[in-house]
C-alpha atoms as a PDB file:
ATOM      1  CA  MET A   1     116.757 148.538 155.776  1.00  0.00           C
ATOM      2  CA  ALA A   2     119.394 146.205 156.662  1.00  0.00           C
ATOM      3  CA  SER A   3     122.526 147.922 157.870  1.00  0.00           C
ATOM      4  CA  PRO A   4     125.551 147.213 156.076  1.00  0.00           C
ATOM      5  CA  SER A   5     127.472 145.450 159.182  1.00  0.00           C
ATOM      6  CA  SER A   6     123.978 142.775 158.997  1.00  0.00           C
ATOM      7  CA  SER A   7     123.916 142.076 155.398  1.00  0.00           C
ATOM      8  CA  HIS A   8     127.866 141.787 155.489  1.00  0.00           C
ATOM      9  CA  ARG A   9     127.072 138.599 158.296  1.00  0.00           C
ATOM     10  CA  ASP A  10     124.693 136.921 156.243  1.00  0.00           C
ATOM     11  CA  GLU A  11     127.200 136.377 153.551  1.00  0.00           C
ATOM     12  CA  PRO A  12     128.090 132.701 153.792  1.00  0.00           C
ATOM     13  CA  ALA A  13     131.188 131.680 154.876  1.00  0.00           C
ATOM     14  CA  PRO A  14     134.150 131.009 152.262  1.00  0.00           C
ATOM     15  CA  ALA A  15     134.445 127.168 151.548  1.00  0.00           C
ATOM     16  CA  PRO A  16     138.001 125.163 153.138  1.00  0.00           C
ATOM     17  CA  GLU A  17     140.325 125.644 151.303  1.00  0.00           C
ATOM     18  CA  GLU A  18     140.891 122.217 149.731  1.00  0.00           C
ATOM     19  CA  ALA A  19     143.951 119.779 150.291  1.00  0.00           C
ATOM     20  CA  THR A  20     146.623 119.143 147.402  1.00  0.00           C
ATOM     21  CA  ARG A  21     145.909 115.546 147.028  1.00  0.00           C
ATOM     22  CA  ASP A  22     149.216 113.893 147.387  1.00  0.00           C
ATOM     23  CA  TRP A  23     149.584 110.928 144.402  1.00  0.00           C
ATOM     24  CA  ALA A  24     152.564 109.049 145.593  1.00  0.00           C
ATOM     25  CA  GLU A  25     150.326 108.130 149.163  1.00  0.00           C
ATOM     26  CA  LEU A  26     147.921 106.310 147.020  1.00  0.00           C
ATOM     27  CA  PRO A  27     147.506 102.811 148.480  1.00  0.00           C
ATOM     28  CA  ARG A  28     148.491 100.158 146.163  1.00  0.00           C
ATOM     29  CA  ASP A  29     144.599  99.100 144.838  1.00  0.00           C
ATOM     30  CA  ALA A  30     143.920 102.622 144.210  1.00  0.00           C
ATOM     31  CA  LEU A  31     147.298 103.178 141.892  1.00  0.00           C
ATOM     32  CA  LEU A  32     146.441  99.559 139.676  1.00  0.00           C
ATOM     33  CA  THR A  33     142.743 101.280 139.340  1.00  0.00           C
ATOM     34  CA  VAL A  34     144.201 104.493 137.628  1.00  0.00           C
ATOM     35  CA  LEU A  35     146.910 102.736 135.783  1.00  0.00           C
ATOM     36  CA  HIS A  36     144.821  99.877 134.500  1.00  0.00           C
ATOM     37  CA  LYS A  37     142.787 102.696 132.877  1.00  0.00           C
ATOM     38  CA  LEU A  38     145.669 103.957 131.229  1.00  0.00           C
ATOM     39  CA  GLY A  39     146.890 103.347 127.909  1.00  0.00           C
ATOM     40  CA  HIS A  40     150.461 100.990 127.997  1.00  0.00           C
ATOM     41  CA  VAL A  41     151.698 103.667 125.848  1.00  0.00           C
ATOM     42  CA  ASP A  42     151.515 106.454 128.419  1.00  0.00           C
ATOM     43  CA  ILE A  43     152.587 103.931 131.068  1.00  0.00           C
ATOM     44  CA  LEU A  44     155.478 103.489 129.766  1.00  0.00           C
ATOM     45  CA  MET A  45     156.280 107.312 128.429  1.00  0.00           C
ATOM     46  CA  GLY A  46     154.588 109.493 130.691  1.00  0.00           C
ATOM     47  CA  VAL A  47     154.102 107.174 134.400  1.00  0.00           C
ATOM     48  CA  ALA A  48     157.626 107.267 136.190  1.00  0.00           C
ATOM     49  CA  GLN A  49     157.332 110.746 135.881  1.00  0.00           C
ATOM     50  CA  VAL A  50     154.918 111.121 137.909  1.00  0.00           C
ATOM     51  CA  CYS A  51     156.813 109.744 141.327  1.00  0.00           C
ATOM     52  CA  GLY A  52     158.521 107.049 142.507  1.00  0.00           C
ATOM     53  CA  PRO A  53     155.507 104.775 143.700  1.00  0.00           C
ATOM     54  CA  TRP A  54     153.885 105.512 140.589  1.00  0.00           C
ATOM     55  CA  ALA A  55     156.707 104.324 138.820  1.00  0.00           C
ATOM     56  CA  ARG A  56     157.333 101.094 140.693  1.00  0.00           C
ATOM     57  CA  ALA A  57     153.980 100.010 140.058  1.00  0.00           C
ATOM     58  CA  ALA A  58     154.112 100.386 136.872  1.00  0.00           C
ATOM     59  CA  ARG A  59     157.169  98.162 136.244  1.00  0.00           C
ATOM     60  CA  GLU A  60     156.452  95.629 138.665  1.00  0.00           C
ATOM     61  CA  GLU A  61     153.372  94.885 139.044  1.00  0.00           C
ATOM     62  CA  PRO A  62     152.773  91.894 136.055  1.00  0.00           C
ATOM     63  CA  GLU A  63     149.012  91.808 136.355  1.00  0.00           C
ATOM     64  CA  LEU A  64     149.046  95.269 134.130  1.00  0.00           C
ATOM     65  CA  TRP A  65     151.333  93.870 131.505  1.00  0.00           C
ATOM     66  CA  ARG A  66     148.823  89.925 130.801  1.00  0.00           C
ATOM     67  CA  ARG A  67     147.239  92.453 127.658  1.00  0.00           C
ATOM     68  CA  VAL A  68     149.942  94.445 126.449  1.00  0.00           C
ATOM     69  CA  ASP A  69     148.468  97.247 123.783  1.00  0.00           C
ATOM     70  CA  LEU A  70     150.817  98.900 121.762  1.00  0.00           C
ATOM     71  CA  ARG A  71     148.928 100.521 119.230  1.00  0.00           C
ATOM     72  CA  LEU A  72     149.278 104.167 118.249  1.00  0.00           C
ATOM     73  CA  HIS A  73     145.486 105.109 117.346  1.00  0.00           C
ATOM     74  CA  GLY A  74     146.568 107.201 115.254  1.00  0.00           C
ATOM     75  CA  ARG A  75     149.134 108.584 116.302  1.00  0.00           C
ATOM     76  CA  ARG A  76     152.474 108.941 114.349  1.00  0.00           C
ATOM     77  CA  LEU A  77     154.746 106.348 114.055  1.00  0.00           C
ATOM     78  CA  MET A  78     158.071 106.213 116.103  1.00  0.00           C
ATOM     79  CA  PRO A  79     161.582 105.655 115.497  1.00  0.00           C
ATOM     80  CA  PRO A  80     162.962 101.999 115.352  1.00  0.00           C
ATOM     81  CA  ARG A  81     165.277 102.446 118.592  1.00  0.00           C
ATOM     82  CA  ARG A  82     162.270 103.938 120.145  1.00  0.00           C
ATOM     83  CA  ALA A  83     159.767 101.785 119.322  1.00  0.00           C
ATOM     84  CA  ASN A  84     161.769  98.218 119.862  1.00  0.00           C
ATOM     85  CA  SER A  85     162.710  99.515 123.291  1.00  0.00           C
ATOM     86  CA  MET A  86     159.677 100.033 124.617  1.00  0.00           C
ATOM     87  CA  ALA A  87     158.235  97.322 122.861  1.00  0.00           C
ATOM     88  CA  ARG A  88     161.211  94.800 124.616  1.00  0.00           C
ATOM     89  CA  GLU A  89     160.172  96.527 128.114  1.00  0.00           C
ATOM     90  CA  ALA A  90     156.764  95.996 128.021  1.00  0.00           C
ATOM     91  CA  VAL A  91     157.552  92.102 127.215  1.00  0.00           C
ATOM     92  CA  ARG A  92     159.570  92.284 130.374  1.00  0.00           C
ATOM     93  CA  ARG A  93     157.274  93.454 132.586  1.00  0.00           C
ATOM     94  CA  GLY A  94     155.348  90.572 131.952  1.00  0.00           C
ATOM     95  CA  ALA A  95     156.822  88.558 134.035  1.00  0.00           C
ATOM     96  CA  GLY A  96     155.911  85.737 131.475  1.00  0.00           C
ATOM     97  CA  GLN A  97     152.788  85.980 131.924  1.00  0.00           C
ATOM     98  CA  CYS A  98     151.620  88.118 128.578  1.00  0.00           C
ATOM     99  CA  GLN A  99     148.574  86.776 127.061  1.00  0.00           C
ATOM    100  CA  ALA A 100     148.026  89.039 124.680  1.00  0.00           C
ATOM    101  CA  PHE A 101     150.704  91.111 122.512  1.00  0.00           C
ATOM    102  CA  TRP A 102     149.250  94.192 119.798  1.00  0.00           C
ATOM    103  CA  ALA A 103     151.843  96.337 118.582  1.00  0.00           C
ATOM    104  CA  GLU A 104     151.881  98.897 115.595  1.00  0.00           C
ATOM    105  CA  GLY A 105     155.427 100.273 114.156  1.00  0.00           C
ATOM    106  CA  ALA A 106     158.722  99.398 113.536  1.00  0.00           C
ATOM    107  CA  LEU A 107     159.259  96.866 115.434  1.00  0.00           C
ATOM    108  CA  ASP A 108     161.970  94.055 114.265  1.00  0.00           C
ATOM    109  CA  HIS A 109     162.408  90.345 115.496  1.00  0.00           C
ATOM    110  CA  SER A 110     163.657  91.242 118.764  1.00  0.00           C
ATOM    111  CA  VAL A 111     161.058  91.961 120.073  1.00  0.00           C
ATOM    112  CA  ILE A 112     159.223  88.586 119.013  1.00  0.00           C
ATOM    113  CA  SER A 113     161.927  86.343 119.952  1.00  0.00           C
ATOM    114  CA  LEU A 114     162.108  88.021 123.620  1.00  0.00           C
ATOM    115  CA  LEU A 115     157.968  86.956 123.761  1.00  0.00           C
ATOM    116  CA  GLY A 116     158.775  83.296 122.597  1.00  0.00           C
ATOM    117  CA  ASP A 117     161.507  83.120 125.257  1.00  0.00           C
ATOM    118  CA  THR A 118     159.182  84.709 128.034  1.00  0.00           C
ATOM    119  CA  SER A 119     155.624  84.214 127.113  1.00  0.00           C
ATOM    120  CA  ALA A 120     155.586  80.983 124.665  1.00  0.00           C
ATOM    121  CA  HIS A 121     152.892  78.883 127.115  1.00  0.00           C
ATOM    122  CA  SER A 122     150.996  81.861 128.228  1.00  0.00           C
ATOM    123  CA  LEU A 123     150.449  84.227 124.262  1.00  0.00           C
ATOM    124  CA  LYS A 124     146.779  83.955 123.304  1.00  0.00           C
ATOM    125  CA  SER A 125     146.842  86.446 120.826  1.00  0.00           C
ATOM    126  CA  LEU A 126     149.377  88.265 118.750  1.00  0.00           C
ATOM    127  CA  ARG A 127     148.520  91.464 117.033  1.00  0.00           C
ATOM    128  CA  LEU A 128     151.262  93.038 114.548  1.00  0.00           C
ATOM    129  CA  ILE A 129     150.237  96.407 112.414  1.00  0.00           C
ATOM    130  CA  TYR A 130     152.814  97.887 110.129  1.00  0.00           C
ATOM    131  CA  CYS A 131     156.211  96.386 111.801  1.00  0.00           C
ATOM    132  CA  ASP A 132     157.808  96.122 108.477  1.00  0.00           C
ATOM    133  CA  TRP A 133     160.968  94.567 110.154  1.00  0.00           C
ATOM    134  CA  ILE A 134     159.235  91.378 111.149  1.00  0.00           C
ATOM    135  CA  TYR A 135     159.476  89.280 107.913  1.00  0.00           C
ATOM    136  CA  ASP A 136     158.329  85.482 107.477  1.00  0.00           C
ATOM    137  CA  THR A 137     161.387  83.260 107.545  1.00  0.00           C
ATOM    138  CA  PRO A 138     161.912  84.830 111.509  1.00  0.00           C
ATOM    139  CA  LEU A 139     158.557  84.652 112.527  1.00  0.00           C
ATOM    140  CA  ALA A 140     157.764  81.841 111.557  1.00  0.00           C
ATOM    141  CA  LEU A 141     160.089  80.118 113.162  1.00  0.00           C
ATOM    142  CA  THR A 142     158.924  81.402 116.921  1.00  0.00           C
ATOM    143  CA  ILE A 143     155.173  81.163 116.619  1.00  0.00           C
ATOM    144  CA  THR A 144     155.715  77.595 116.281  1.00  0.00           C
ATOM    145  CA  LYS A 145     156.533  78.642 120.421  1.00  0.00           C
ATOM    146  CA  PHE A 146     153.315  79.496 120.850  1.00  0.00           C
ATOM    147  CA  THR A 147     150.602  76.857 121.481  1.00  0.00           C
ATOM    148  CA  LEU A 148     148.157  78.300 123.158  1.00  0.00           C
ATOM    149  CA  LEU A 149     147.701  81.465 120.338  1.00  0.00           C
ATOM    150  CA  GLU A 150     143.919  81.358 119.634  1.00  0.00           C
ATOM    151  CA  GLU A 151     144.552  84.831 117.887  1.00  0.00           C
ATOM    152  CA  LEU A 152     146.784  86.086 115.345  1.00  0.00           C
ATOM    153  CA  GLU A 153     146.796  88.863 113.153  1.00  0.00           C
ATOM    154  CA  LEU A 154     150.112  90.554 110.620  1.00  0.00           C
ATOM    155  CA  SER A 155     148.212  93.789 108.918  1.00  0.00           C
ATOM    156  CA  ASN A 156     149.766  96.070 106.583  1.00  0.00           C
ATOM    157  CA  TYR A 157     153.025  94.450 105.775  1.00  0.00           C
ATOM    158  CA  ARG A 158     154.660  94.734 102.062  1.00  0.00           C
ATOM    159  CA  ALA A 159     154.577  90.973 102.424  1.00  0.00           C
ATOM    160  CA  ASP A 160     153.145  87.687 102.407  1.00  0.00           C
ATOM    161  CA  PHE A 161     153.500  85.658 104.931  1.00  0.00           C
ATOM    162  CA  PRO A 162     152.944  81.955 103.929  1.00  0.00           C
ATOM    163  CA  LYS A 163     155.576  80.182 105.710  1.00  0.00           C
ATOM    164  CA  THR A 164     154.368  82.038 109.229  1.00  0.00           C
ATOM    165  CA  CYS A 165     150.698  80.992 108.549  1.00  0.00           C
ATOM    166  CA  THR A 166     152.182  77.014 107.678  1.00  0.00           C
ATOM    167  CA  ALA A 167     153.785  77.071 111.064  1.00  0.00           C
ATOM    168  CA  ALA A 168     151.014  78.477 112.752  1.00  0.00           C
ATOM    169  CA  GLY A 169     148.706  76.298 111.805  1.00  0.00           C
ATOM    170  CA  LYS A 170     150.398  73.597 112.335  1.00  0.00           C
ATOM    171  CA  ALA A 171     151.510  74.222 115.964  1.00  0.00           C
ATOM    172  CA  CYS A 172     148.452  76.490 117.366  1.00  0.00           C
ATOM    173  CA  PRO A 173     146.009  73.928 116.893  1.00  0.00           C
ATOM    174  CA  LEU A 174     143.538  76.570 119.076  1.00  0.00           C
ATOM    175  CA  LEU A 175     143.763  79.372 116.396  1.00  0.00           C
ATOM    176  CA  LYS A 176     140.454  80.209 116.002  1.00  0.00           C
ATOM    177  CA  ARG A 177     140.917  83.905 114.866  1.00  0.00           C
ATOM    178  CA  LEU A 178     143.204  84.820 111.605  1.00  0.00           C
ATOM    179  CA  ARG A 179     143.398  88.412 110.134  1.00  0.00           C
ATOM    180  CA  LEU A 180     145.593  89.191 107.025  1.00  0.00           C
ATOM    181  CA  SER A 181     144.961  92.608 105.648  1.00  0.00           C
ATOM    182  CA  SER A 182     147.183  94.317 103.380  1.00  0.00           C
ATOM    183  CA  GLU A 183     147.148  98.433 103.098  1.00  0.00           C
ATOM    184  CA  ARG A 184     145.974  98.739  99.291  1.00  0.00           C
ATOM    185  CA  PHE A 185     144.957  96.278  96.789  1.00  0.00           C
ATOM    186  CA  VAL A 186     146.948  97.140  93.180  1.00  0.00           C
ATOM    187  CA  LYS A 187     146.110  95.259  90.266  1.00  0.00           C
ATOM    188  CA  HIS A 188     149.082  95.173  88.153  1.00  0.00           C
ATOM    189  CA  SER A 189     152.258  95.237  90.026  1.00  0.00           C
ATOM    190  CA  GLN A 190     152.843  91.193  91.422  1.00  0.00           C
ATOM    191  CA  VAL A 191     151.116  88.431  89.913  1.00  0.00           C
ATOM    192  CA  PRO A 192     147.729  86.954  91.998  1.00  0.00           C
ATOM    193  CA  THR A 193     149.247  84.475  94.607  1.00  0.00           C
ATOM    194  CA  ASP A 194     147.518  82.167  97.269  1.00  0.00           C
ATOM    195  CA  GLY A 195     150.393  81.375  99.338  1.00  0.00           C
ATOM    196  CA  GLU A 196     148.306  82.185 102.656  1.00  0.00           C
ATOM    197  CA  ALA A 197     145.573  80.398 100.978  1.00  0.00           C
ATOM    198  CA  ALA A 198     146.915  77.496 100.548  1.00  0.00           C
ATOM    199  CA  ALA A 199     148.513  77.299 104.112  1.00  0.00           C
ATOM    200  CA  VAL A 200     145.209  78.519 105.980  1.00  0.00           C
ATOM    201  CA  ALA A 201     143.583  75.991 104.094  1.00  0.00           C
ATOM    202  CA  THR A 202     146.344  73.288 104.681  1.00  0.00           C
ATOM    203  CA  THR A 203     146.718  73.992 108.519  1.00  0.00           C
ATOM    204  CA  MET A 204     143.677  75.771 110.193  1.00  0.00           C
ATOM    205  CA  PRO A 205     140.783  73.758 109.541  1.00  0.00           C
ATOM    206  CA  GLY A 206     139.386  74.784 113.306  1.00  0.00           C
ATOM    207  CA  LEU A 207     139.133  78.418 112.220  1.00  0.00           C
ATOM    208  CA  ARG A 208     136.134  80.359 113.026  1.00  0.00           C
ATOM    209  CA  SER A 209     137.195  83.678 111.637  1.00  0.00           C
ATOM    210  CA  LEU A 210     138.778  84.740 108.595  1.00  0.00           C
ATOM    211  CA  GLN A 211     139.622  88.081 107.075  1.00  0.00           C
ATOM    212  CA  LEU A 212     141.672  89.202 104.108  1.00  0.00           C
ATOM    213  CA  PHE A 213     141.601  92.269 103.576  1.00  0.00           C
ATOM    214  CA  ALA A 214     143.380  93.467  99.815  1.00  0.00           C
ATOM    215  CA  LYS A 215     144.779  90.179  99.552  1.00  0.00           C
ATOM    216  CA  ARG A 216     145.755  89.200  95.797  1.00  0.00           C
ATOM    217  CA  LEU A 217     144.383  85.381  96.574  1.00  0.00           C
ATOM    218  CA  THR A 218     142.000  83.914  93.973  1.00  0.00           C
ATOM    219  CA  ASN A 219     139.144  81.769  93.216  1.00  0.00           C
ATOM    220  CA  GLY A 220     141.325  78.671  93.626  1.00  0.00           C
ATOM    221  CA  GLY A 221     142.718  79.933  96.798  1.00  0.00           C
ATOM    222  CA  LEU A 222     139.207  81.083  98.387  1.00  0.00           C
ATOM    223  CA  ALA A 223     137.835  77.453  96.905  1.00  0.00           C
ATOM    224  CA  ALA A 224     140.438  75.945  98.975  1.00  0.00           C
ATOM    225  CA  ILE A 225     139.653  77.523 102.345  1.00  0.00           C
ATOM    226  CA  LEU A 226     136.248  76.895 101.919  1.00  0.00           C
ATOM    227  CA  ASP A 227     137.117  72.998 101.243  1.00  0.00           C
ATOM    228  CA  GLY A 228     139.861  73.503 104.474  1.00  0.00           C
ATOM    229  CA  CYS A 229     137.804  75.446 106.799  1.00  0.00           C
ATOM    230  CA  PRO A 230     134.489  74.053 107.295  1.00  0.00           C
ATOM    231  CA  LEU A 231     134.336  75.633 110.779  1.00  0.00           C
ATOM    232  CA  LEU A 232     134.330  79.218 108.914  1.00  0.00           C
ATOM    233  CA  GLU A 233     131.717  81.612 110.601  1.00  0.00           C
ATOM    234  CA  SER A 234     133.393  84.804 109.757  1.00  0.00           C
ATOM    235  CA  LEU A 235     135.001  85.531 106.031  1.00  0.00           C
ATOM    236  CA  ASP A 236     135.384  88.925 104.848  1.00  0.00           C
ATOM    237  CA  ILE A 237     137.749  89.372 101.811  1.00  0.00           C
ATOM    238  CA  ARG A 238     136.780  93.113 100.851  1.00  0.00           C
ATOM    239  CA  HIS A 239     139.103  94.725  98.627  1.00  0.00           C
ATOM    240  CA  CYS A 240     140.166  91.176  97.417  1.00  0.00           C
ATOM    241  CA  PHE A 241     139.937  91.906  93.582  1.00  0.00           C
ATOM    242  CA  ASN A 242     141.229  88.617  91.659  1.00  0.00           C
ATOM    243  CA  ILE A 243     138.032  87.516  93.295  1.00  0.00           C
ATOM    244  CA  VAL A 244     135.445  87.118  91.006  1.00  0.00           C
ATOM    245  CA  MET A 245     132.478  85.842  92.931  1.00  0.00           C
ATOM    246  CA  ASN A 246     130.754  83.887  90.067  1.00  0.00           C
ATOM    247  CA  ASP A 247     127.785  81.543  90.974  1.00  0.00           C
ATOM    248  CA  GLU A 248     129.737  78.387  92.170  1.00  0.00           C
ATOM    249  CA  LEU A 249     131.493  80.448  94.402  1.00  0.00           C
ATOM    250  CA  CYS A 250     128.472  83.131  95.730  1.00  0.00           C
ATOM    251  CA  ALA A 251     127.049  79.748  96.345  1.00  0.00           C
ATOM    252  CA  ARG A 252     129.592  78.144  98.463  1.00  0.00           C
ATOM    253  CA  CYS A 253     130.331  81.229 100.259  1.00  0.00           C
ATOM    254  CA  SER A 254     126.477  81.175 101.538  1.00  0.00           C
ATOM    255  CA  LEU A 255     127.301  78.919 104.037  1.00  0.00           C
ATOM    256  CA  VAL A 256     129.141  80.910 106.025  1.00  0.00           C
ATOM    257  CA  GLU A 257     127.298  82.995 108.883  1.00  0.00           C
ATOM    258  CA  MET A 258     129.851  86.790 108.764  1.00  0.00           C
ATOM    259  CA  LEU A 259     130.062  86.772 104.287  1.00  0.00           C
ATOM    260  CA  ARG A 260     131.851  90.676 103.405  1.00  0.00           C
ATOM    261  CA  HIS A 261     132.403  90.847  99.643  1.00  0.00           C
ATOM    262  CA  PRO A 262     135.437  92.120  97.813  1.00  0.00           C
ATOM    263  CA  HIS A 263     133.117  95.366  96.690  1.00  0.00           C
ATOM    264  CA  ASP A 264     131.582  94.732 100.337  1.00  0.00           C
ATOM    265  CA  PRO A 265     131.282  99.099 102.177  1.00  0.00           C
ATOM    266  CA  THR A 266     134.299  99.224 104.334  1.00  0.00           C
ATOM    267  CA  ASP A 267     132.858 102.337 106.777  1.00  0.00           C
ATOM    268  CA  ASP A 268     133.462 100.104 109.163  1.00  0.00           C
ATOM    269  CA  TYR A 269     137.145  99.161 108.880  1.00  0.00           C
ATOM    270  CA  ASP A 270     139.854 100.122 111.383  1.00  0.00           C
ATOM    271  CA  LEU A 271     142.650 100.061 109.949  1.00  0.00           C
ATOM    272  CA  LYS A 272     144.339 102.670 107.417  1.00  0.00           C
ATOM    273  CA  PHE A 273     143.504 101.880 103.840  1.00  0.00           C
ATOM    274  CA  SER A 274     143.791 102.977 100.379  1.00  0.00           C
ATOM    275  CA  SER A 275     141.738 103.304  97.430  1.00  0.00           C
ATOM    276  CA  PRO A 276     142.736 100.285  95.229  1.00  0.00           C
ATOM    277  CA  ASP A 277     144.661 100.770  92.321  1.00  0.00           C
ATOM    278  CA  MET A 278     144.140  99.320  89.210  1.00  0.00           C
ATOM    279  CA  ASP A 279     146.089 100.559  87.097  1.00  0.00           C
ATOM    280  CA  TYR A 280     150.028 101.478  88.239  1.00  0.00           C
ATOM    281  CA  PRO A 281     152.515 100.004  90.492  1.00  0.00           C
ATOM    282  CA  TRP A 282     152.383 101.463  93.775  1.00  0.00           C
ATOM    283  CA  VAL A 283     155.031 101.478  96.262  1.00  0.00           C
ATOM    284  CA  ARG A 284     153.990 103.229  99.322  1.00  0.00           C
ATOM    285  CA  MET A 285     156.381 104.420 102.373  1.00  0.00           C
ATOM    286  CA  THR A 286     157.475 103.234 104.462  1.00  0.00           C
ATOM    287  CA  PRO A 287     156.331 103.540 107.984  1.00  0.00           C
ATOM    288  CA  GLN A 288     159.984 104.425 109.415  1.00  0.00           C
ATOM    289  CA  THR A 289     159.767 107.017 107.191  1.00  0.00           C
ATOM    290  CA  GLU A 290     156.647 108.652 109.274  1.00  0.00           C
ATOM    291  CA  TYR A 291     158.825 108.207 113.025  1.00  0.00           C
ATOM    292  CA  TYR A 292     158.343 111.659 115.495  1.00  0.00           C
ATOM    293  CA  ASP A 293     160.725 112.165 117.387  1.00  0.00           C
ATOM    294  CA  GLU A 294     159.095 114.229 120.961  1.00  0.00           C
ATOM    295  CA  TRP A 295     157.962 111.072 122.960  1.00  0.00           C
ATOM    296  CA  GLU A 296     160.861 109.568 125.237  1.00  0.00           C
ATOM    297  CA  PHE A 297     160.042 106.626 128.285  1.00  0.00           C
ATOM    298  CA  SER A 298     162.027 105.302 131.218  1.00  0.00           C
ATOM    299  CA  SER A 299     162.993 101.950 131.984  1.00  0.00           C
ATOM    300  CA  ARG A 300     163.776 103.010 135.529  1.00  0.00           C
END
């Protein structure tokens, strides 16, 4: 039998204590790799609190801000002042090199105006969701600056954007993807309207992908789009219940490679929406009443 002393000698030596990592000393290339994996909301809200080198890298590296994604991915919306300050800071950090700007929440036109002043000749993708303080007329004036725009999304607004669609169609010859979505189709809240459809049909002959979710266009508006956009490869008109898919319209739509009908399933739809209201007017809570106020961000 082994003696207590020999048993003690057979025990493995304890592993040396790992040195504490000094995140401030990361090489800049490694630091930028880490920052690229973070969301832009997280960078604006938290990176400045880590250490000075992280804050400087997040502030001074335009490459991080070429494709800005300020969507909230299910988190509650921010108060307007904070949302706009954060969005303007993201645009400024892009240093005129922003190629994509995606945002969700209570932004106003000051953000889009700044984007037009700084990134007019680089922006290729603009996606705005729940931005109810951005209106059709001023957006129509600014959108003409983005002559390289290839993708435009205006989703879950309470208003339509016929002027913006017309302006974008005329000023943005490279526009290939357009998404105009509402949060809910309401049968009797307002009369059907084909304003946006007419704008698309008359100014966007090169369009390849079009989504009109829960919009109030009619058969006539859809027919005009099919006439004016002969290159369409993808057409999504789910929840557009003013459209009646008769034999003639079905035959015309059959030429589109990827077609989603008004009554098609919505399992793969990626935005919040409500069941259609076919009987009563509907007024949804404005996003500005759904704030949360625990986040702060630093522009330092």
